[in-house]
């Protein structure tokens, strides 16, 4: 069940909520998922956008706990958003500069 879950176009929060719901349902039927399995299953469903992050976090032991993984992932997400904002601001300034020169 967890193997087929993918982030796809969902936000990270939506994906996490769905993932946790499935884990909670598995606990309810006495089929809990280990913390390490949660890390690997969640990471697997993130997709190619997160391949560098996944590789850095899961290439060699010690592997992070699920909560450590999530904290690192949220920090990575914030970094991606900050870079996009910087790139957007840079492009806007460059367009304004070249627009003034024309």
N, C-alpha and C. Protein backbone atom coordinates (compact mmCIF):
# COMPACT_ATOMS: atom_id res chain seq x y z
N UNK A 1 0.83 -1.20 0.00
CA UNK A 1 0.00 0.00 0.00
C UNK A 1 0.87 1.25 0.00
N UNK A 2 1.88 1.29 0.88
CA UNK A 2 2.78 2.44 0.91
C UNK A 2 3.63 2.52 -0.34
N UNK A 3 3.97 1.37 -0.90
CA UNK A 3 4.83 1.34 -2.09
C UNK A 3 4.21 2.09 -3.26
N UNK A 4 2.89 2.10 -3.37
CA UNK A 4 2.25 2.72 -4.52
C UNK A 4 1.95 4.20 -4.30
N UNK A 5 2.13 4.71 -3.09
CA UNK A 5 1.86 6.11 -2.80
C UNK A 5 2.96 6.98 -3.38
N UNK A 6 2.56 8.01 -4.12
CA UNK A 6 3.49 8.95 -4.74
C UNK A 6 3.09 10.38 -4.43
N UNK A 7 4.06 11.25 -4.32
CA UNK A 7 3.79 12.67 -4.09
C UNK A 7 3.12 13.27 -5.31
N UNK A 8 3.66 13.01 -6.48
CA UNK A 8 3.09 13.56 -7.70
C UNK A 8 2.96 15.07 -7.62
N UNK A 9 1.79 15.60 -7.91
CA UNK A 9 1.57 17.05 -7.90
C UNK A 9 1.08 17.56 -6.55
N UNK A 10 0.97 16.67 -5.58
CA UNK A 10 0.55 17.10 -4.24
C UNK A 10 1.63 17.97 -3.61
N UNK A 11 1.21 18.82 -2.69
CA UNK A 11 2.20 19.55 -1.90
C UNK A 11 2.86 18.55 -0.95
N UNK A 12 3.97 18.95 -0.40
CA UNK A 12 4.67 18.09 0.56
C UNK A 12 3.76 17.80 1.75
N UNK A 13 3.04 18.80 2.23
CA UNK A 13 2.13 18.62 3.37
C UNK A 13 1.00 17.64 3.04
N UNK A 14 0.45 17.74 1.84
CA UNK A 14 -0.63 16.83 1.43
C UNK A 14 -0.12 15.39 1.36
N UNK A 15 1.06 15.24 0.77
CA UNK A 15 1.66 13.92 0.66
C UNK A 15 1.93 13.33 2.04
N UNK A 16 2.49 14.15 2.93
CA UNK A 16 2.79 13.69 4.29
C UNK A 16 1.51 13.29 5.02
N UNK A 17 0.46 14.08 4.88
CA UNK A 17 -0.81 13.78 5.55
C UNK A 17 -1.37 12.44 5.07
N UNK A 18 -1.33 12.21 3.76
CA UNK A 18 -1.83 10.95 3.20
C UNK A 18 -0.96 9.78 3.67
N UNK A 19 0.35 9.98 3.68
CA UNK A 19 1.28 8.94 4.12
C UNK A 19 1.02 8.57 5.58
N UNK A 20 0.90 9.60 6.44
CA UNK A 20 0.65 9.34 7.86
C UNK A 20 -0.69 8.64 8.08
N UNK A 21 -1.68 9.00 7.30
CA UNK A 21 -3.00 8.37 7.41
C UNK A 21 -2.91 6.87 7.12
N UNK A 22 -2.17 6.53 6.08
CA UNK A 22 -1.99 5.11 5.74
C UNK A 22 -1.23 4.40 6.86
N UNK A 23 -0.19 5.02 7.37
CA UNK A 23 0.58 4.41 8.47
C UNK A 23 -0.30 4.20 9.69
N UNK A 24 -1.13 5.18 10.02
CA UNK A 24 -2.04 5.06 11.15
C UNK A 24 -3.05 3.95 10.95
N UNK A 25 -3.55 3.82 9.72
CA UNK A 25 -4.49 2.74 9.41
C UNK A 25 -3.82 1.37 9.55
N UNK A 26 -2.55 1.30 9.17
CA UNK A 26 -1.81 0.04 9.32
C UNK A 26 -1.60 -0.30 10.79
N UNK A 27 -1.34 0.70 11.60
CA UNK A 27 -1.20 0.47 13.04
C UNK A 27 -2.53 -0.05 13.60
N UNK A 28 -3.64 0.53 13.14
CA UNK A 28 -4.97 0.15 13.63
C UNK A 28 -5.28 -1.32 13.34
N UNK A 29 -4.74 -1.86 12.25
CA UNK A 29 -4.99 -3.27 11.94
C UNK A 29 -3.80 -4.15 12.35
N UNK A 30 -2.98 -3.58 13.25
CA UNK A 30 -1.84 -4.31 13.83
C UNK A 30 -0.79 -4.73 12.79
N UNK A 31 -0.56 -3.84 11.82
CA UNK A 31 0.49 -4.04 10.81
C UNK A 31 1.37 -2.78 10.77
N UNK A 32 1.97 -2.40 11.92
CA UNK A 32 2.73 -1.15 11.93
C UNK A 32 3.94 -1.19 11.01
N UNK A 33 4.32 -0.01 10.54
CA UNK A 33 5.48 0.16 9.67
C UNK A 33 6.62 0.68 10.54
N UNK A 34 7.80 0.06 10.43
CA UNK A 34 8.94 0.52 11.22
C UNK A 34 9.35 1.93 10.80
N UNK A 35 10.01 2.62 11.71
CA UNK A 35 10.45 3.98 11.43
C UNK A 35 11.35 4.03 10.20
N UNK A 36 12.27 3.08 10.11
CA UNK A 36 13.18 3.05 8.96
C UNK A 36 12.43 2.78 7.66
N UNK A 37 11.45 1.88 7.70
CA UNK A 37 10.64 1.63 6.50
C UNK A 37 9.85 2.87 6.10
N UNK A 38 9.38 3.62 7.08
CA UNK A 38 8.66 4.87 6.78
C UNK A 38 9.58 5.81 6.01
N UNK A 39 10.82 5.94 6.47
CA UNK A 39 11.78 6.83 5.81
C UNK A 39 11.97 6.42 4.35
N UNK A 40 12.25 5.14 4.13
CA UNK A 40 12.53 4.68 2.77
C UNK A 40 11.29 4.71 1.89
N UNK A 41 10.13 4.36 2.42
CA UNK A 41 8.90 4.38 1.63
C UNK A 41 8.51 5.81 1.26
N UNK A 42 8.59 6.72 2.24
CA UNK A 42 8.26 8.11 1.98
C UNK A 42 9.22 8.70 0.95
N UNK A 43 10.51 8.44 1.13
CA UNK A 43 11.52 8.96 0.21
C UNK A 43 11.30 8.42 -1.20
N UNK A 44 10.96 7.15 -1.30
CA UNK A 44 10.72 6.53 -2.61
C UNK A 44 9.58 7.21 -3.36
N UNK A 45 8.58 7.66 -2.65
CA UNK A 45 7.42 8.28 -3.29
C UNK A 45 7.59 9.74 -3.64
N UNK A 46 8.72 10.34 -3.26
CA UNK A 46 8.92 11.76 -3.52
C UNK A 46 9.07 12.10 -4.99
N UNK A 47 9.69 11.25 -5.76
CA UNK A 47 9.87 11.52 -7.19
C UNK A 47 11.24 12.10 -7.50
N UNK A 48 11.47 12.35 -8.77
CA UNK A 48 12.79 12.76 -9.25
C UNK A 48 13.23 14.15 -8.78
N UNK A 49 12.29 15.02 -8.49
CA UNK A 49 12.64 16.38 -8.03
C UNK A 49 13.51 16.32 -6.77
N UNK A 50 13.35 15.26 -6.01
CA UNK A 50 14.04 15.14 -4.73
C UNK A 50 15.18 14.12 -4.75
N UNK A 51 15.62 13.72 -5.93
CA UNK A 51 16.62 12.65 -6.02
C UNK A 51 17.93 13.02 -5.33
N UNK A 52 18.37 14.26 -5.47
CA UNK A 52 19.62 14.68 -4.81
C UNK A 52 19.47 14.62 -3.29
N UNK A 53 18.34 15.09 -2.80
CA UNK A 53 18.09 15.04 -1.37
C UNK A 53 18.05 13.60 -0.87
N UNK A 54 17.31 12.77 -1.58
CA UNK A 54 17.18 11.35 -1.22
C UNK A 54 18.55 10.68 -1.17
N UNK A 55 19.35 10.93 -2.19
CA UNK A 55 20.68 10.33 -2.27
C UNK A 55 21.55 10.78 -1.09
N UNK A 56 21.52 12.06 -0.80
CA UNK A 56 22.33 12.58 0.31
C UNK A 56 21.91 11.99 1.65
N UNK A 57 20.62 11.81 1.83
CA UNK A 57 20.10 11.35 3.13
C UNK A 57 20.19 9.83 3.31
N UNK A 58 20.10 9.09 2.20
CA UNK A 58 19.91 7.64 2.34
C UNK A 58 21.00 6.79 1.70
N UNK A 59 22.11 7.39 1.34
CA UNK A 59 23.17 6.62 0.68
C UNK A 59 23.89 5.68 1.64
N UNK A 60 24.10 6.14 2.86
CA UNK A 60 24.83 5.28 3.80
C UNK A 60 24.33 5.51 5.22
N UNK A 61 24.46 4.46 6.05
CA UNK A 61 24.05 4.60 7.45
C UNK A 61 24.96 5.58 8.18
N UNK A 62 24.54 6.12 9.29
CA UNK A 62 23.27 5.86 9.95
C UNK A 62 22.13 6.60 9.24
N UNK A 63 21.03 5.92 9.07
CA UNK A 63 19.88 6.51 8.42
C UNK A 63 19.10 7.36 9.43
N UNK A 64 18.49 8.41 8.96
CA UNK A 64 17.75 9.28 9.88
C UNK A 64 16.45 8.61 10.34
N UNK A 65 15.96 9.06 11.47
CA UNK A 65 14.62 8.65 11.90
C UNK A 65 13.63 9.35 10.96
N UNK A 66 12.38 8.95 11.02
CA UNK A 66 11.38 9.58 10.16
C UNK A 66 11.25 11.06 10.48
N UNK A 67 11.25 11.41 11.77
CA UNK A 67 11.11 12.83 12.13
C UNK A 67 12.35 13.63 11.69
N UNK A 68 13.55 13.05 11.81
CA UNK A 68 14.76 13.73 11.33
C UNK A 68 14.71 13.93 9.82
N UNK A 69 14.25 12.90 9.12
CA UNK A 69 14.13 12.97 7.66
C UNK A 69 13.16 14.08 7.26
N UNK A 70 12.03 14.16 7.95
CA UNK A 70 11.03 15.17 7.62
C UNK A 70 11.54 16.58 7.90
N UNK A 71 12.25 16.76 9.00
CA UNK A 71 12.82 18.09 9.31
C UNK A 71 13.81 18.50 8.22
N UNK A 72 14.67 17.58 7.83
CA UNK A 72 15.64 17.87 6.77
C UNK A 72 14.93 18.16 5.45
N UNK A 73 13.90 17.40 5.15
CA UNK A 73 13.15 17.59 3.90
C UNK A 73 12.45 18.94 3.88
N UNK A 74 11.88 19.34 5.00
CA UNK A 74 11.22 20.65 5.07
C UNK A 74 12.25 21.77 4.88
N UNK A 75 13.44 21.61 5.44
CA UNK A 75 14.50 22.58 5.23
C UNK A 75 14.93 22.64 3.78
N UNK A 76 15.02 21.48 3.14
CA UNK A 76 15.37 21.40 1.72
C UNK A 76 14.31 22.11 0.88
N UNK A 77 13.04 21.88 1.20
CA UNK A 77 11.93 22.54 0.48
C UNK A 77 12.04 24.05 0.60
N UNK A 78 12.33 24.54 1.80
CA UNK A 78 12.47 25.99 2.01
C UNK A 78 13.62 26.55 1.19
N UNK A 79 14.71 25.80 1.09
CA UNK A 79 15.85 26.23 0.29
C UNK A 79 15.48 26.32 -1.18
N UNK A 80 14.74 25.32 -1.67
CA UNK A 80 14.30 25.34 -3.08
C UNK A 80 13.43 26.55 -3.35
N UNK A 81 12.50 26.83 -2.45
CA UNK A 81 11.60 27.99 -2.63
C UNK A 81 12.39 29.30 -2.59
N UNK A 82 13.36 29.39 -1.69
CA UNK A 82 14.17 30.61 -1.58
C UNK A 82 14.98 30.82 -2.86
N UNK A 83 15.54 29.73 -3.42
CA UNK A 83 16.30 29.84 -4.66
C UNK A 83 15.41 30.31 -5.81
N UNK A 84 14.20 29.76 -5.88
CA UNK A 84 13.27 30.17 -6.93
C UNK A 84 12.91 31.65 -6.80
N UNK A 85 12.70 32.10 -5.56
CA UNK A 85 12.39 33.52 -5.33
C UNK A 85 13.56 34.41 -5.74
N UNK A 86 14.78 33.99 -5.41
CA UNK A 86 15.97 34.76 -5.80
C UNK A 86 16.10 34.82 -7.32
N UNK A 87 15.88 33.68 -7.98
CA UNK A 87 15.98 33.65 -9.44
C UNK A 87 14.93 34.55 -10.07
N UNK A 88 13.74 34.52 -9.54
CA UNK A 88 12.65 35.36 -10.06
C UNK A 88 13.00 36.84 -9.90
N UNK A 89 13.49 37.21 -8.73
CA UNK A 89 13.88 38.61 -8.47
C UNK A 89 15.01 39.02 -9.41
N UNK A 90 16.00 38.16 -9.59
CA UNK A 90 17.12 38.46 -10.48
C UNK A 90 16.62 38.68 -11.91
N UNK A 91 15.75 37.78 -12.38
CA UNK A 91 15.22 37.93 -13.74
C UNK A 91 14.41 39.21 -13.89
N UNK A 92 13.63 39.56 -12.90
CA UNK A 92 12.84 40.79 -12.96
C UNK A 92 13.75 42.01 -13.04
N UNK A 93 14.83 42.01 -12.24
CA UNK A 93 15.77 43.13 -12.28
C UNK A 93 16.50 43.17 -13.62
N UNK A 94 16.90 42.03 -14.12
CA UNK A 94 17.60 41.98 -15.42
C UNK A 94 16.69 42.48 -16.53
N UNK A 95 15.42 42.07 -16.52
CA UNK A 95 14.48 42.52 -17.54
C UNK A 95 14.26 44.02 -17.45
N UNK A 96 14.16 44.53 -16.23
CA UNK A 96 13.97 45.99 -16.04
C UNK A 96 15.20 46.74 -16.55
N UNK A 97 16.39 46.23 -16.26
CA UNK A 97 17.62 46.88 -16.69
C UNK A 97 17.71 46.92 -18.21
N UNK A 98 17.48 45.76 -18.86
CA UNK A 98 17.58 45.72 -20.30
C UNK A 98 16.44 46.48 -20.96
N UNK A 99 15.31 46.54 -20.30
CA UNK A 99 14.17 47.31 -20.83
C UNK A 99 14.49 48.79 -20.85
N UNK A 100 15.20 49.26 -19.85
CA UNK A 100 15.57 50.66 -19.77
C UNK A 100 16.62 51.02 -20.80
N UNK A 101 17.45 50.05 -21.16
CA UNK A 101 18.53 50.31 -22.12
C UNK A 101 18.02 50.35 -23.55
N UNK A 102 16.88 49.74 -23.80
CA UNK A 102 16.37 49.66 -25.18
C UNK A 102 15.71 50.94 -25.59
